[in-house]
């Protein structure tokens, strides 16, 4: 996948995710919808954590540092558990501000990539942790942790918007 395609897909999918977030009033934003485990506020924090990890990986790789993050070494389950715990302490304004800042940084970092970086082995990709890449092209990991990740949370966001659940 080419850089412009990755950026277009990321921007479009994130706009759809953001449309759902922005449609929620404060009560719904903090409500855990029936049949779900996390509130939209927590989901936003969780999605932002994955985007921030992509940003940190790319920034480190750009300087030639090998990236080795706990998410890659201990697995996504342990990473998620930690992020969900941290999400409980973040207020609405902080979650939304951080999400905007991190997404802007993500777009800026991906904009600096070449099509070669996204699809093959380059100086940048050689610095990325093999545990994260697991033999995949960089664009595939951006998809998994980015634009393919957002739709996984649409059912909970839609249920929160519909008013199904309890406020935490």
N, C-alpha and C. Protein backbone atom coordinates (compact mmCIF):
# COMPACT_ATOMS: atom_id res chain seq x y z
N UNK A 1 0.85 -1.17 0.00
CA UNK A 1 0.00 0.00 0.00
C UNK A 1 0.90 1.23 0.00
N UNK A 2 0.55 2.20 -0.78
CA UNK A 2 1.33 3.43 -0.88
C UNK A 2 1.01 4.38 0.28
N UNK A 3 1.95 5.29 0.57
CA UNK A 3 1.79 6.23 1.69
C UNK A 3 0.48 7.02 1.58
N UNK A 4 0.20 7.53 0.39
CA UNK A 4 -1.02 8.34 0.24
C UNK A 4 -2.27 7.51 0.50
N UNK A 5 -2.23 6.24 0.14
CA UNK A 5 -3.36 5.35 0.42
C UNK A 5 -3.50 5.11 1.92
N UNK A 6 -2.38 4.90 2.60
CA UNK A 6 -2.41 4.70 4.05
C UNK A 6 -2.97 5.95 4.73
N UNK A 7 -2.49 7.11 4.34
CA UNK A 7 -2.97 8.36 4.93
C UNK A 7 -4.47 8.55 4.67
N UNK A 8 -4.90 8.28 3.45
CA UNK A 8 -6.32 8.45 3.12
C UNK A 8 -7.19 7.50 3.93
N UNK A 9 -6.77 6.26 4.02
CA UNK A 9 -7.55 5.27 4.79
C UNK A 9 -7.56 5.61 6.27
N UNK A 10 -6.41 5.99 6.80
CA UNK A 10 -6.31 6.36 8.21
C UNK A 10 -7.20 7.56 8.52
N UNK A 11 -7.13 8.56 7.67
CA UNK A 11 -7.92 9.78 7.86
C UNK A 11 -9.42 9.48 7.77
N UNK A 12 -9.81 8.69 6.79
CA UNK A 12 -11.23 8.37 6.61
C UNK A 12 -11.77 7.54 7.77
N UNK A 13 -11.03 6.51 8.15
CA UNK A 13 -11.51 5.65 9.24
C UNK A 13 -11.53 6.39 10.57
N UNK A 14 -10.52 7.24 10.78
CA UNK A 14 -10.50 8.00 12.04
C UNK A 14 -11.63 9.03 12.06
N UNK A 15 -11.97 9.60 10.91
CA UNK A 15 -13.09 10.55 10.85
C UNK A 15 -14.39 9.84 11.22
N UNK A 16 -14.56 8.62 10.78
CA UNK A 16 -15.76 7.85 11.14
C UNK A 16 -15.78 7.55 12.63
N UNK A 17 -14.65 7.18 13.18
CA UNK A 17 -14.53 6.94 14.63
C UNK A 17 -14.84 8.23 15.39
N UNK A 18 -14.23 9.33 14.96
CA UNK A 18 -14.43 10.63 15.62
C UNK A 18 -15.88 11.11 15.52
N UNK A 19 -16.53 10.82 14.41
CA UNK A 19 -17.93 11.20 14.26
C UNK A 19 -18.76 10.57 15.38
N UNK A 20 -18.49 9.33 15.68
CA UNK A 20 -19.22 8.66 16.76
C UNK A 20 -18.88 9.30 18.11
N UNK A 21 -17.60 9.54 18.35
CA UNK A 21 -17.17 10.14 19.62
C UNK A 21 -17.82 11.51 19.80
N UNK A 22 -17.78 12.32 18.76
CA UNK A 22 -18.30 13.69 18.85
C UNK A 22 -19.81 13.74 19.00
N UNK A 23 -20.50 12.67 18.63
CA UNK A 23 -21.96 12.61 18.75
C UNK A 23 -22.42 12.35 20.18
N UNK A 24 -21.50 11.96 21.03
CA UNK A 24 -21.85 11.59 22.40
C UNK A 24 -21.84 12.78 23.33
N UNK A 25 -22.89 12.91 24.11
CA UNK A 25 -22.89 13.90 25.17
C UNK A 25 -22.04 13.40 26.33
N UNK A 26 -21.80 14.25 27.33
CA UNK A 26 -20.95 13.85 28.46
C UNK A 26 -21.40 12.58 29.18
N UNK A 27 -22.71 12.43 29.38
CA UNK A 27 -23.17 11.22 30.06
C UNK A 27 -22.89 9.97 29.24
N UNK A 28 -23.23 10.04 27.95
CA UNK A 28 -23.00 8.88 27.09
C UNK A 28 -21.52 8.61 26.90
N UNK A 29 -20.71 9.65 26.89
CA UNK A 29 -19.27 9.49 26.70
C UNK A 29 -18.65 8.70 27.86
N UNK A 30 -19.24 8.82 29.03
CA UNK A 30 -18.73 8.14 30.22
C UNK A 30 -19.54 6.91 30.61
N UNK A 31 -20.50 6.55 29.79
CA UNK A 31 -21.38 5.41 30.06
C UNK A 31 -20.79 4.14 29.47
N UNK A 32 -20.81 3.08 30.25
CA UNK A 32 -20.44 1.77 29.72
C UNK A 32 -21.72 1.17 29.15
N UNK A 33 -21.79 1.00 27.85
CA UNK A 33 -23.01 0.48 27.25
C UNK A 33 -23.28 -0.96 27.70
N UNK A 34 -24.55 -1.27 27.80
CA UNK A 34 -24.95 -2.63 28.17
C UNK A 34 -24.30 -3.62 27.21
N UNK A 35 -23.78 -4.69 27.75
CA UNK A 35 -23.14 -5.73 26.94
C UNK A 35 -21.70 -5.44 26.58
N UNK A 36 -21.17 -4.31 27.08
CA UNK A 36 -19.78 -3.94 26.79
C UNK A 36 -19.05 -3.74 28.11
N UNK A 37 -17.76 -3.55 28.04
CA UNK A 37 -16.92 -3.46 29.24
C UNK A 37 -16.37 -2.06 29.46
N UNK A 38 -16.27 -1.25 28.39
CA UNK A 38 -15.61 0.04 28.50
C UNK A 38 -16.49 1.17 27.97
N UNK A 39 -16.30 2.34 28.56
CA UNK A 39 -17.01 3.54 28.12
C UNK A 39 -16.34 4.11 26.87
N UNK A 40 -17.04 4.96 26.12
CA UNK A 40 -16.40 5.62 24.98
C UNK A 40 -15.15 6.42 25.38
N UNK A 41 -15.16 7.04 26.56
CA UNK A 41 -13.98 7.76 27.02
C UNK A 41 -12.80 6.80 27.13
N UNK A 42 -13.03 5.64 27.70
CA UNK A 42 -11.96 4.64 27.84
C UNK A 42 -11.53 4.11 26.48
N UNK A 43 -12.49 3.92 25.58
CA UNK A 43 -12.18 3.44 24.24
C UNK A 43 -11.32 4.46 23.50
N UNK A 44 -11.66 5.73 23.62
CA UNK A 44 -10.85 6.78 22.99
C UNK A 44 -9.43 6.75 23.53
N UNK A 45 -9.28 6.61 24.83
CA UNK A 45 -7.95 6.54 25.45
C UNK A 45 -7.18 5.32 24.93
N UNK A 46 -7.86 4.20 24.81
CA UNK A 46 -7.27 2.95 24.33
C UNK A 46 -6.78 3.10 22.88
N UNK A 47 -7.63 3.63 22.01
CA UNK A 47 -7.27 3.83 20.61
C UNK A 47 -6.08 4.78 20.52
N UNK A 48 -6.11 5.83 21.33
CA UNK A 48 -5.01 6.80 21.34
C UNK A 48 -3.71 6.15 21.79
N UNK A 49 -3.77 5.24 22.73
CA UNK A 49 -2.56 4.55 23.20
C UNK A 49 -1.91 3.76 22.06
N UNK A 50 -2.72 3.12 21.23
CA UNK A 50 -2.17 2.38 20.10
C UNK A 50 -1.56 3.33 19.07
N UNK A 51 -2.24 4.44 18.80
CA UNK A 51 -1.69 5.42 17.86
C UNK A 51 -0.39 6.01 18.39
N UNK A 52 -0.36 6.30 19.69
CA UNK A 52 0.85 6.87 20.30
C UNK A 52 2.02 5.90 20.20
N UNK A 53 1.74 4.63 20.32
CA UNK A 53 2.79 3.63 20.20
C UNK A 53 3.36 3.61 18.78
N UNK A 54 2.51 3.75 17.79
CA UNK A 54 3.00 3.83 16.40
C UNK A 54 3.90 5.06 16.26
N UNK A 55 3.46 6.20 16.79
CA UNK A 55 4.24 7.44 16.72
C UNK A 55 5.60 7.24 17.39
N UNK A 56 5.60 6.68 18.58
CA UNK A 56 6.86 6.47 19.31
C UNK A 56 7.79 5.53 18.55
N UNK A 57 7.24 4.49 17.97
CA UNK A 57 8.06 3.55 17.18
C UNK A 57 8.69 4.26 16.00
N UNK A 58 7.89 5.02 15.26
CA UNK A 58 8.41 5.69 14.07
C UNK A 58 9.44 6.75 14.42
N UNK A 59 9.21 7.49 15.48
CA UNK A 59 10.19 8.51 15.90
C UNK A 59 11.50 7.87 16.31
N UNK A 60 11.42 6.79 17.06
CA UNK A 60 12.63 6.10 17.49
C UNK A 60 13.36 5.51 16.28
N UNK A 61 12.63 4.88 15.39
CA UNK A 61 13.25 4.27 14.21
C UNK A 61 13.90 5.31 13.32
N UNK A 62 13.28 6.49 13.23
CA UNK A 62 13.82 7.56 12.39
C UNK A 62 15.21 8.00 12.87
N UNK A 63 15.46 7.89 14.17
CA UNK A 63 16.77 8.25 14.71
C UNK A 63 17.71 7.05 14.76
N UNK A 64 17.23 5.91 14.27
CA UNK A 64 18.06 4.72 14.23
C UNK A 64 18.03 3.89 15.49
N UNK A 65 17.17 4.26 16.44
CA UNK A 65 17.06 3.49 17.67
C UNK A 65 16.22 2.24 17.40
N UNK A 66 16.63 1.14 17.97
CA UNK A 66 15.82 -0.07 17.88
C UNK A 66 14.63 0.12 18.82
N UNK A 67 13.45 -0.16 18.31
CA UNK A 67 12.26 0.00 19.13
C UNK A 67 11.92 -1.34 19.77
N UNK A 68 11.83 -1.34 21.06
CA UNK A 68 11.44 -2.55 21.79
C UNK A 68 10.48 -2.12 22.89
N UNK A 69 9.20 -2.23 22.63
CA UNK A 69 8.19 -1.79 23.56
C UNK A 69 7.53 -2.98 24.25
N UNK A 70 7.03 -2.74 25.44
CA UNK A 70 6.39 -3.83 26.18
C UNK A 70 5.25 -4.44 25.38
N UNK A 71 4.56 -3.66 24.60
CA UNK A 71 3.45 -4.17 23.80
C UNK A 71 3.92 -5.29 22.88
N UNK A 72 5.14 -5.15 22.38
CA UNK A 72 5.68 -6.15 21.47
C UNK A 72 6.27 -7.34 22.18
N UNK A 73 6.78 -7.13 23.36
CA UNK A 73 7.46 -8.20 24.10
C UNK A 73 6.53 -9.01 24.99
N UNK A 74 5.55 -8.35 25.60
CA UNK A 74 4.67 -9.08 26.52
C UNK A 74 3.30 -9.36 25.91
N UNK A 75 3.07 -8.82 24.72
CA UNK A 75 1.83 -9.09 24.01
C UNK A 75 0.79 -8.01 24.18
N UNK A 76 -0.14 -8.00 23.28
CA UNK A 76 -1.18 -6.98 23.28
C UNK A 76 -2.13 -7.12 24.45
N UNK A 77 -2.31 -8.34 24.96
CA UNK A 77 -3.24 -8.54 26.07
C UNK A 77 -2.79 -7.78 27.32
N UNK A 78 -1.51 -7.92 27.67
CA UNK A 78 -0.98 -7.22 28.84
C UNK A 78 -0.96 -5.71 28.60
N UNK A 79 -0.63 -5.30 27.40
CA UNK A 79 -0.65 -3.88 27.05
C UNK A 79 -2.07 -3.33 27.22
N UNK A 80 -3.05 -4.04 26.67
CA UNK A 80 -4.44 -3.60 26.80
C UNK A 80 -4.87 -3.51 28.26
N UNK A 81 -4.53 -4.49 29.04
CA UNK A 81 -4.90 -4.49 30.46
C UNK A 81 -4.38 -3.23 31.15
N UNK A 82 -3.13 -2.89 30.89
CA UNK A 82 -2.54 -1.69 31.48
C UNK A 82 -3.24 -0.43 30.97
N UNK A 83 -3.48 -0.36 29.68
CA UNK A 83 -4.12 0.82 29.10
C UNK A 83 -5.54 0.99 29.64
N UNK A 84 -6.29 -0.10 29.73
CA UNK A 84 -7.66 0.00 30.26
C UNK A 84 -7.64 0.49 31.70
N UNK A 85 -6.68 0.03 32.48
CA UNK A 85 -6.56 0.52 33.87
C UNK A 85 -6.29 2.02 33.89
N UNK A 86 -5.35 2.46 33.09
CA UNK A 86 -5.00 3.88 33.03
C UNK A 86 -6.17 4.72 32.52
N UNK A 87 -6.97 4.17 31.63
CA UNK A 87 -8.09 4.91 31.04
C UNK A 87 -9.12 5.31 32.09
N UNK A 88 -9.24 4.53 33.13
CA UNK A 88 -10.22 4.83 34.17
C UNK A 88 -9.96 6.13 34.89
N UNK A 89 -8.72 6.61 34.86
CA UNK A 89 -8.35 7.83 35.58
C UNK A 89 -8.30 9.08 34.71
N UNK A 90 -8.58 8.96 33.43
CA UNK A 90 -8.47 10.09 32.52
C UNK A 90 -9.84 10.75 32.35
N UNK A 91 -9.87 12.07 32.50
CA UNK A 91 -11.15 12.76 32.34
C UNK A 91 -11.43 13.04 30.86
N UNK A 92 -12.65 13.45 30.60
CA UNK A 92 -13.13 13.64 29.23
C UNK A 92 -12.28 14.62 28.43
N UNK A 93 -12.03 15.79 29.01
CA UNK A 93 -11.26 16.81 28.28
C UNK A 93 -9.84 16.34 27.97
N UNK A 94 -9.21 15.70 28.94
CA UNK A 94 -7.85 15.21 28.73
C UNK A 94 -7.82 14.12 27.66
N UNK A 95 -8.78 13.21 27.69
CA UNK A 95 -8.82 12.13 26.70
C UNK A 95 -8.98 12.71 25.29
N UNK A 96 -9.87 13.68 25.14
CA UNK A 96 -10.11 14.26 23.81
C UNK A 96 -8.92 15.09 23.33
N UNK A 97 -8.31 15.85 24.22
CA UNK A 97 -7.15 16.66 23.84
C UNK A 97 -5.98 15.77 23.43
N UNK A 98 -5.72 14.74 24.22
CA UNK A 98 -4.62 13.83 23.91
C UNK A 98 -4.89 13.12 22.58
N UNK A 99 -6.12 12.70 22.35
CA UNK A 99 -6.46 12.01 21.11
C UNK A 99 -6.17 12.89 19.90
N UNK A 100 -6.54 14.16 19.97
CA UNK A 100 -6.29 15.07 18.86
C UNK A 100 -4.81 15.28 18.62
N UNK A 101 -4.06 15.47 19.68
CA UNK A 101 -2.62 15.69 19.56
C UNK A 101 -1.91 14.47 18.99
N UNK A 102 -2.27 13.30 19.49
CA UNK A 102 -1.60 12.08 19.04
C UNK A 102 -1.95 11.77 17.59
N UNK A 103 -3.21 11.95 17.22
CA UNK A 103 -3.57 11.67 15.82
C UNK A 103 -2.84 12.62 14.87
N UNK A 104 -2.72 13.88 15.24
CA UNK A 104 -1.97 14.83 14.42
C UNK A 104 -0.51 14.39 14.30
N UNK A 105 0.08 13.92 15.38
CA UNK A 105 1.46 13.43 15.35
C UNK A 105 1.57 12.17 14.48
N UNK A 106 0.57 11.31 14.54
CA UNK A 106 0.57 10.10 13.72
C UNK A 106 0.55 10.45 12.24
N UNK A 107 -0.30 11.37 11.86
CA UNK A 107 -0.35 11.80 10.46
C UNK A 107 0.98 12.41 10.03
N UNK A 108 1.57 13.22 10.91
CA UNK A 108 2.86 13.85 10.60
C UNK A 108 3.95 12.80 10.41
N UNK A 109 3.97 11.79 11.26
CA UNK A 109 4.99 10.74 11.16
C UNK A 109 4.81 9.90 9.90
N UNK A 110 3.58 9.52 9.62
CA UNK A 110 3.34 8.70 8.42
C UNK A 110 3.61 9.50 7.16
N UNK A 111 3.36 10.80 7.20
CA UNK A 111 3.62 11.66 6.04
C UNK A 111 5.10 11.68 5.67
N UNK A 112 5.96 11.39 6.62
CA UNK A 112 7.41 11.38 6.36
C UNK A 112 7.90 10.05 5.78
N UNK A 113 7.05 9.03 5.82
CA UNK A 113 7.44 7.72 5.32
C UNK A 113 7.44 7.71 3.79
N UNK A 114 8.21 6.82 3.25
CA UNK A 114 8.19 6.59 1.80
C UNK A 114 7.36 5.34 1.53
N UNK A 115 7.00 5.17 0.26
CA UNK A 115 6.32 3.93 -0.11
C UNK A 115 7.21 2.73 0.20
N UNK A 116 8.52 2.92 0.03
CA UNK A 116 9.47 1.85 0.35
C UNK A 116 9.46 1.50 1.82
N UNK A 117 9.41 2.52 2.69
CA UNK A 117 9.33 2.26 4.13
C UNK A 117 8.12 1.42 4.47
N UNK A 118 7.03 1.72 3.84
CA UNK A 118 5.76 1.05 4.16
C UNK A 118 5.68 -0.37 3.62
N UNK A 119 6.46 -0.66 2.59
CA UNK A 119 6.31 -1.94 1.90
C UNK A 119 7.53 -2.85 1.91
N UNK A 120 8.67 -2.35 2.35
CA UNK A 120 9.87 -3.16 2.28
C UNK A 120 10.83 -2.88 3.40
N UNK A 121 12.06 -3.27 3.20
CA UNK A 121 13.09 -3.07 4.20
C UNK A 121 13.91 -1.85 3.81
N UNK A 122 13.95 -0.90 4.73
CA UNK A 122 14.72 0.33 4.55
C UNK A 122 15.49 0.57 5.84
N UNK A 123 16.30 1.62 5.85
CA UNK A 123 17.00 1.95 7.09
C UNK A 123 16.01 2.14 8.23
N UNK A 124 14.90 2.79 7.96
CA UNK A 124 13.90 3.01 9.01
C UNK A 124 13.30 1.69 9.48
N UNK A 125 12.89 0.85 8.58
CA UNK A 125 12.22 -0.39 9.01
C UNK A 125 13.20 -1.36 9.67
N UNK A 126 14.47 -1.26 9.36
CA UNK A 126 15.45 -2.12 10.04
C UNK A 126 15.54 -1.80 11.53
N UNK A 127 15.18 -0.57 11.91
CA UNK A 127 15.23 -0.19 13.32
C UNK A 127 13.94 -0.56 14.07
N UNK A 128 12.91 -0.96 13.34
CA UNK A 128 11.67 -1.36 14.00
C UNK A 128 11.81 -2.75 14.58
N UNK A 129 11.23 -2.94 15.73
CA UNK A 129 11.32 -4.21 16.44
C UNK A 129 10.69 -5.33 15.61
N UNK A 130 11.46 -6.37 15.39
CA UNK A 130 10.96 -7.54 14.65
C UNK A 130 9.74 -8.16 15.33
N UNK A 131 9.65 -8.03 16.64
CA UNK A 131 8.51 -8.57 17.37
C UNK A 131 7.22 -7.85 17.00
N UNK A 132 7.32 -6.58 16.67
CA UNK A 132 6.13 -5.85 16.23
C UNK A 132 5.80 -6.21 14.78
N UNK A 133 6.80 -6.17 13.93
CA UNK A 133 6.56 -6.41 12.51
C UNK A 133 6.12 -7.85 12.22
N UNK A 134 6.72 -8.80 12.91
CA UNK A 134 6.41 -10.22 12.72
C UNK A 134 6.34 -10.60 11.24
N UNK A 135 7.30 -10.08 10.46
CA UNK A 135 7.38 -10.41 9.05
C UNK A 135 6.41 -9.65 8.16
N UNK A 136 5.65 -8.74 8.72
CA UNK A 136 4.69 -7.98 7.93
C UNK A 136 5.31 -6.67 7.44
N UNK A 137 4.70 -6.11 6.42
CA UNK A 137 5.10 -4.78 5.96
C UNK A 137 4.61 -3.75 6.97
N UNK A 138 5.29 -2.62 7.05
CA UNK A 138 4.94 -1.57 8.00
C UNK A 138 3.50 -1.09 7.82
N UNK A 139 3.05 -0.96 6.58
CA UNK A 139 1.68 -0.48 6.37
C UNK A 139 0.66 -1.42 7.01
N UNK A 140 0.95 -2.72 7.02
CA UNK A 140 0.03 -3.69 7.62
C UNK A 140 -0.11 -3.48 9.12
N UNK A 141 0.99 -3.12 9.78
CA UNK A 141 0.94 -2.87 11.22
C UNK A 141 0.23 -1.56 11.52
N UNK A 142 0.40 -0.58 10.66
CA UNK A 142 -0.34 0.67 10.83
C UNK A 142 -1.83 0.40 10.67
N UNK A 143 -2.17 -0.49 9.75
CA UNK A 143 -3.57 -0.88 9.58
C UNK A 143 -4.09 -1.58 10.83
N UNK A 144 -3.38 -2.58 11.30
CA UNK A 144 -3.83 -3.37 12.45
C UNK A 144 -4.01 -2.51 13.69
N UNK A 145 -3.02 -1.67 13.98
CA UNK A 145 -3.06 -0.84 15.19
C UNK A 145 -3.75 0.49 14.96
N UNK A 146 -4.13 0.78 13.72
CA UNK A 146 -4.76 2.06 13.39
C UNK A 146 -6.11 1.86 12.74
N UNK A 147 -6.16 1.99 11.41
CA UNK A 147 -7.46 2.08 10.75
C UNK A 147 -8.29 0.82 10.78
N UNK A 148 -7.71 -0.35 10.96
CA UNK A 148 -8.52 -1.56 11.14
C UNK A 148 -8.98 -1.72 12.59
N UNK A 149 -8.34 -1.01 13.49
CA UNK A 149 -8.65 -1.08 14.91
C UNK A 149 -9.93 -0.30 15.26
N UNK A 150 -10.11 0.86 14.66
CA UNK A 150 -11.24 1.73 15.02
C UNK A 150 -12.59 1.03 14.92
N UNK A 151 -12.89 0.34 13.79
CA UNK A 151 -14.21 -0.27 13.66
C UNK A 151 -14.52 -1.34 14.71
N UNK A 152 -13.50 -1.89 15.32
CA UNK A 152 -13.73 -2.88 16.38
C UNK A 152 -14.53 -2.29 17.54
N UNK A 153 -14.48 -0.99 17.69
CA UNK A 153 -15.13 -0.31 18.81
C UNK A 153 -16.45 0.36 18.44
N UNK A 154 -16.85 0.30 17.18
CA UNK A 154 -18.09 0.94 16.76
C UNK A 154 -19.33 0.41 17.49
N UNK A 155 -19.46 -0.91 17.69
CA UNK A 155 -20.66 -1.38 18.39
C UNK A 155 -20.84 -0.75 19.78
N UNK A 156 -19.78 -0.64 20.55
CA UNK A 156 -19.88 -0.03 21.88
C UNK A 156 -20.20 1.46 21.77
N UNK A 157 -19.58 2.14 20.82
CA UNK A 157 -19.86 3.57 20.65
C UNK A 157 -21.30 3.79 20.20
N UNK A 158 -21.77 2.96 19.30
CA UNK A 158 -23.16 3.07 18.83
C UNK A 158 -24.15 2.78 19.96
N UNK A 159 -23.85 1.78 20.78
CA UNK A 159 -24.73 1.47 21.91
C UNK A 159 -24.71 2.59 22.95
N UNK A 160 -23.56 3.23 23.15
CA UNK A 160 -23.50 4.37 24.08
C UNK A 160 -24.34 5.52 23.54
N UNK A 161 -24.28 5.75 22.24
CA UNK A 161 -25.06 6.82 21.63
C UNK A 161 -26.56 6.53 21.75
N UNK A 162 -26.93 5.28 21.65
CA UNK A 162 -28.33 4.89 21.75
C UNK A 162 -28.82 4.94 23.20
N UNK A 163 -27.92 5.16 24.13
CA UNK A 163 -28.31 5.30 25.54
C UNK A 163 -28.44 3.99 26.28
N UNK A 164 -27.85 2.94 25.76
CA UNK A 164 -27.92 1.65 26.44
C UNK A 164 -26.71 1.50 27.36
N UNK A 165 -26.93 1.51 28.64
CA UNK A 165 -25.83 1.31 29.58
C UNK A 165 -25.99 2.12 30.82
N UNK A 166 -24.96 2.07 31.64
CA UNK A 166 -24.96 2.79 32.92
C UNK A 166 -23.76 3.71 33.00
N UNK A 167 -23.96 4.89 33.57
CA UNK A 167 -22.88 5.83 33.73
C UNK A 167 -21.97 5.37 34.85
N UNK A 168 -20.69 5.47 34.60
CA UNK A 168 -19.69 5.14 35.64
C UNK A 168 -19.24 6.38 36.32
